[in-house]
Amino acid sequence: MAYSLFIDSDVILDELLARHPFQLQSHALFVAESQGKLTLFTTASIVLNVQYVAARFVGKASSKEVIRKMLRYFKICITTSSHLEQGFDSNFLDVEDAVQYYSAVDNPEIDFFLSRNIKDYRYADKQLQVISPSEFLKLM
């Protein structure tokens, strides 16, 4: 079965910055996508956040080039004003996490929301299961 996954920024950064030991799990996701076993989703704001963080480690020019290559792996979820309202009205401690979650929930193709920071999603309303990359890889 092919899965569709929403990928949070921490998982993308694990791959791009080769953050040990988490890079092994994130890399497996990108390999599975390239083999047609997964469809990966994220949002434009996550792409921008990842580029900003990566630029601090590898420089602005290198981070832009890496992001251009990374975009080939992803479909981009739309974030609407409704998602923003849901995020601000939610019980999430971080509005940005809530907005990402509701952007993913609104896409019926997505099977799981992947993040290493599971605790940040403890107030999610369970419309979409939030799991870690290691938990997901056990399901594959």
C-alpha atoms as a PDB file:
ATOM      1  CA  MET A   1       0.000   0.000   0.000  1.00  0.00           C
ATOM      2  CA  ALA A   2       1.299   3.435  -0.915  1.00  0.00           C
ATOM      3  CA  TYR A   3       0.904   6.029   1.820  1.00  0.00           C
ATOM      4  CA  SER A   4       0.594   9.786   1.631  1.00  0.00           C
ATOM      5  CA  LEU A   5       2.374  11.633   4.417  1.00  0.00           C
ATOM      6  CA  PHE A   6       2.504  15.195   5.636  1.00  0.00           C
ATOM      7  CA  ILE A   7       6.105  15.930   6.628  1.00  0.00           C
ATOM      8  CA  ASP A   8       6.835  18.484   9.341  1.00  0.00           C
ATOM      9  CA  SER A   9       9.859  20.775   9.220  1.00  0.00           C
ATOM     10  CA  ASP A  10      11.909  18.847  11.798  1.00  0.00           C
ATOM     11  CA  VAL A  11      11.866  15.727   9.614  1.00  0.00           C
ATOM     12  CA  ILE A  12      12.936  17.677   6.527  1.00  0.00           C
ATOM     13  CA  LEU A  13      15.713  19.406   8.455  1.00  0.00           C
ATOM     14  CA  ASP A  14      16.936  16.033   9.751  1.00  0.00           C
ATOM     15  CA  GLU A  15      17.530  15.008   6.141  1.00  0.00           C
ATOM     16  CA  LEU A  16      18.909  18.286   4.820  1.00  0.00           C
ATOM     17  CA  LEU A  17      21.269  18.892   7.739  1.00  0.00           C
ATOM     18  CA  ALA A  18      22.131  15.191   8.256  1.00  0.00           C
ATOM     19  CA  ARG A  19      21.133  15.388  11.924  1.00  0.00           C
ATOM     20  CA  HIS A  20      22.260  12.158  13.524  1.00  0.00           C
ATOM     21  CA  PRO A  21      20.618   9.780  14.385  1.00  0.00           C
ATOM     22  CA  PHE A  22      17.339  11.099  12.952  1.00  0.00           C
ATOM     23  CA  GLN A  23      18.653  11.467   9.405  1.00  0.00           C
ATOM     24  CA  LEU A  24      18.505   7.699   8.926  1.00  0.00           C
ATOM     25  CA  GLN A  25      14.718   7.728   9.362  1.00  0.00           C
ATOM     26  CA  SER A  26      14.096  10.837   7.281  1.00  0.00           C
ATOM     27  CA  HIS A  27      16.348   9.530   4.524  1.00  0.00           C
ATOM     28  CA  ALA A  28      14.350   6.287   4.402  1.00  0.00           C
ATOM     29  CA  LEU A  29      11.214   8.362   3.748  1.00  0.00           C
ATOM     30  CA  PHE A  30      12.824  10.209   0.843  1.00  0.00           C
ATOM     31  CA  VAL A  31      14.108   6.941  -0.623  1.00  0.00           C
ATOM     32  CA  ALA A  32      10.638   5.398  -0.349  1.00  0.00           C
ATOM     33  CA  GLU A  33       9.169   8.443  -2.112  1.00  0.00           C
ATOM     34  CA  SER A  34      11.685   8.137  -4.949  1.00  0.00           C
ATOM     35  CA  GLN A  35      10.684   4.455  -5.294  1.00  0.00           C
ATOM     36  CA  GLY A  36       7.012   5.416  -5.604  1.00  0.00           C
ATOM     37  CA  LYS A  37       6.071   3.922  -2.239  1.00  0.00           C
ATOM     38  CA  LEU A  38       5.081   7.248  -0.652  1.00  0.00           C
ATOM     39  CA  THR A  39       3.654  10.599  -1.590  1.00  0.00           C
ATOM     40  CA  LEU A  40       5.025  13.418   0.549  1.00  0.00           C
ATOM     41  CA  PHE A  41       3.192  16.632   1.385  1.00  0.00           C
ATOM     42  CA  THR A  42       4.202  19.789   3.221  1.00  0.00           C
ATOM     43  CA  THR A  43       3.237  23.475   3.167  1.00  0.00           C
ATOM     44  CA  ALA A  44       4.878  26.527   1.660  1.00  0.00           C
ATOM     45  CA  SER A  45       5.480  27.963   5.125  1.00  0.00           C
ATOM     46  CA  ILE A  46       7.390  24.837   6.145  1.00  0.00           C
ATOM     47  CA  VAL A  47       9.527  25.133   3.009  1.00  0.00           C
ATOM     48  CA  LEU A  48      10.294  28.757   3.920  1.00  0.00           C
ATOM     49  CA  ASN A  49      11.067  27.873   7.548  1.00  0.00           C
ATOM     50  CA  VAL A  50      13.361  25.047   6.468  1.00  0.00           C
ATOM     51  CA  GLN A  51      15.185  27.343   4.055  1.00  0.00           C
ATOM     52  CA  TYR A  52      15.650  29.955   6.795  1.00  0.00           C
ATOM     53  CA  VAL A  53      17.084  27.433   9.263  1.00  0.00           C
ATOM     54  CA  ALA A  54      19.221  25.689   6.645  1.00  0.00           C
ATOM     55  CA  ALA A  55      20.694  29.028   5.524  1.00  0.00           C
ATOM     56  CA  ARG A  56      22.151  29.508   9.007  1.00  0.00           C
ATOM     57  CA  PHE A  57      24.043  26.218   8.670  1.00  0.00           C
ATOM     58  CA  VAL A  58      25.008  26.030   4.991  1.00  0.00           C
ATOM     59  CA  GLY A  59      24.586  29.603   3.746  1.00  0.00           C
ATOM     60  CA  LYS A  60      21.806  31.284   1.801  1.00  0.00           C
ATOM     61  CA  ALA A  61      22.872  30.204  -1.703  1.00  0.00           C
ATOM     62  CA  SER A  62      23.408  26.559  -0.726  1.00  0.00           C
ATOM     63  CA  SER A  63      20.138  26.412   1.174  1.00  0.00           C
ATOM     64  CA  LYS A  64      18.214  27.718  -1.836  1.00  0.00           C
ATOM     65  CA  GLU A  65      19.777  25.091  -4.073  1.00  0.00           C
ATOM     66  CA  VAL A  66      19.019  22.298  -1.601  1.00  0.00           C
ATOM     67  CA  ILE A  67      15.414  23.493  -1.265  1.00  0.00           C
ATOM     68  CA  ARG A  68      14.986  23.533  -5.059  1.00  0.00           C
ATOM     69  CA  LYS A  69      16.057  19.884  -5.178  1.00  0.00           C
ATOM     70  CA  MET A  70      13.947  18.976  -2.153  1.00  0.00           C
ATOM     71  CA  LEU A  71      10.790  20.423  -3.716  1.00  0.00           C
ATOM     72  CA  ARG A  72      10.818  17.604  -6.280  1.00  0.00           C
ATOM     73  CA  TYR A  73       9.829  15.233  -3.485  1.00  0.00           C
ATOM     74  CA  PHE A  74       6.789  17.168  -2.265  1.00  0.00           C
ATOM     75  CA  LYS A  75       3.283  18.187  -3.113  1.00  0.00           C
ATOM     76  CA  ILE A  76       2.429  21.475  -1.418  1.00  0.00           C
ATOM     77  CA  CYS A  77      -0.729  21.703   0.705  1.00  0.00           C
ATOM     78  CA  ILE A  78      -2.654  24.926   0.519  1.00  0.00           C
ATOM     79  CA  THR A  79      -3.061  26.924   3.722  1.00  0.00           C
ATOM     80  CA  THR A  80      -6.264  28.948   3.808  1.00  0.00           C
ATOM     81  CA  SER A  81      -7.658  31.615   6.092  1.00  0.00           C
ATOM     82  CA  SER A  82      -9.852  28.877   7.591  1.00  0.00           C
ATOM     83  CA  HIS A  83      -6.720  26.925   8.582  1.00  0.00           C
ATOM     84  CA  LEU A  84      -5.324  30.062  10.189  1.00  0.00           C
ATOM     85  CA  GLU A  85      -8.552  30.604  12.124  1.00  0.00           C
ATOM     86  CA  GLN A  86      -8.588  26.970  13.241  1.00  0.00           C
ATOM     87  CA  GLY A  87      -4.980  27.328  14.372  1.00  0.00           C
ATOM     88  CA  PHE A  88      -5.671  30.459  16.393  1.00  0.00           C
ATOM     89  CA  ASP A  89      -8.832  28.938  17.887  1.00  0.00           C
ATOM     90  CA  SER A  90      -7.199  25.608  18.762  1.00  0.00           C
ATOM     91  CA  ASN A  91      -5.707  24.410  22.034  1.00  0.00           C
ATOM     92  CA  PHE A  92      -2.295  23.932  20.429  1.00  0.00           C
ATOM     93  CA  LEU A  93       0.524  25.630  22.323  1.00  0.00           C
ATOM     94  CA  ASP A  94       2.098  26.747  19.033  1.00  0.00           C
ATOM     95  CA  VAL A  95      -0.208  28.322  16.447  1.00  0.00           C
ATOM     96  CA  GLU A  96       2.207  27.482  13.625  1.00  0.00           C
ATOM     97  CA  ASP A  97       1.980  23.763  14.483  1.00  0.00           C
ATOM     98  CA  ALA A  98      -1.802  24.015  14.553  1.00  0.00           C
ATOM     99  CA  VAL A  99      -1.937  25.701  11.153  1.00  0.00           C
ATOM    100  CA  GLN A 100       0.284  22.973   9.651  1.00  0.00           C
ATOM    101  CA  TYR A 101      -1.923  20.300  11.184  1.00  0.00           C
ATOM    102  CA  TYR A 102      -5.173  21.806   9.874  1.00  0.00           C
ATOM    103  CA  SER A 103      -3.634  22.351   6.430  1.00  0.00           C
ATOM    104  CA  ALA A 104      -2.847  18.625   6.371  1.00  0.00           C
ATOM    105  CA  VAL A 105      -6.224  17.560   7.792  1.00  0.00           C
ATOM    106  CA  ASP A 106      -8.003  19.344   4.965  1.00  0.00           C
ATOM    107  CA  ASN A 107      -6.246  17.188   2.363  1.00  0.00           C
ATOM    108  CA  PRO A 108      -8.099  13.842   2.149  1.00  0.00           C
ATOM    109  CA  GLU A 109      -5.123  12.168   0.442  1.00  0.00           C
ATOM    110  CA  ILE A 110      -2.953  12.400   3.556  1.00  0.00           C
ATOM    111  CA  ASP A 111      -2.815   9.278   5.742  1.00  0.00           C
ATOM    112  CA  PHE A 112      -0.429  10.414   8.503  1.00  0.00           C
ATOM    113  CA  PHE A 113       1.168  13.578   9.844  1.00  0.00           C
ATOM    114  CA  LEU A 114       4.867  12.909  10.567  1.00  0.00           C
ATOM    115  CA  SER A 115       6.812  14.880  13.142  1.00  0.00           C
ATOM    116  CA  ARG A 116       9.484  14.054  15.679  1.00  0.00           C
ATOM    117  CA  ASN A 117       7.891  16.573  18.047  1.00  0.00           C
ATOM    118  CA  ILE A 118       4.807  14.495  18.841  1.00  0.00           C
ATOM    119  CA  LYS A 119       4.222  16.378  22.100  1.00  0.00           C
ATOM    120  CA  ASP A 120       3.619  19.559  20.091  1.00  0.00           C
ATOM    121  CA  TYR A 121       0.538  17.877  18.625  1.00  0.00           C
ATOM    122  CA  ARG A 122      -0.978  16.462  21.809  1.00  0.00           C
ATOM    123  CA  TYR A 123      -3.932  18.863  21.434  1.00  0.00           C
ATOM    124  CA  ALA A 124      -4.645  17.760  17.869  1.00  0.00           C
ATOM    125  CA  ASP A 125      -8.269  16.749  17.474  1.00  0.00           C
ATOM    126  CA  LYS A 126      -7.405  13.291  16.120  1.00  0.00           C
ATOM    127  CA  GLN A 127      -8.736  13.950  12.626  1.00  0.00           C
ATOM    128  CA  LEU A 128      -5.299  12.903  11.385  1.00  0.00           C
ATOM    129  CA  GLN A 129      -2.921  10.623  13.260  1.00  0.00           C
ATOM    130  CA  VAL A 130       0.375  12.281  14.229  1.00  0.00           C
ATOM    131  CA  ILE A 131       3.276   9.854  14.464  1.00  0.00           C
ATOM    132  CA  SER A 132       7.054   9.937  14.391  1.00  0.00           C
ATOM    133  CA  PRO A 133       9.062   8.823  11.367  1.00  0.00           C
ATOM    134  CA  SER A 134      10.307   5.787  13.314  1.00  0.00           C
ATOM    135  CA  GLU A 135       6.724   4.782  14.177  1.00  0.00           C
ATOM    136  CA  PHE A 136       5.682   5.151  10.549  1.00  0.00           C
ATOM    137  CA  LEU A 137       8.620   3.138   9.216  1.00  0.00           C
ATOM    138  CA  LYS A 138       7.502   0.230  11.411  1.00  0.00           C
ATOM    139  CA  LEU A 139       4.152   0.305   9.555  1.00  0.00           C
ATOM    140  CA  MET A 140       5.696   0.094   6.100  1.00  0.00           C
END
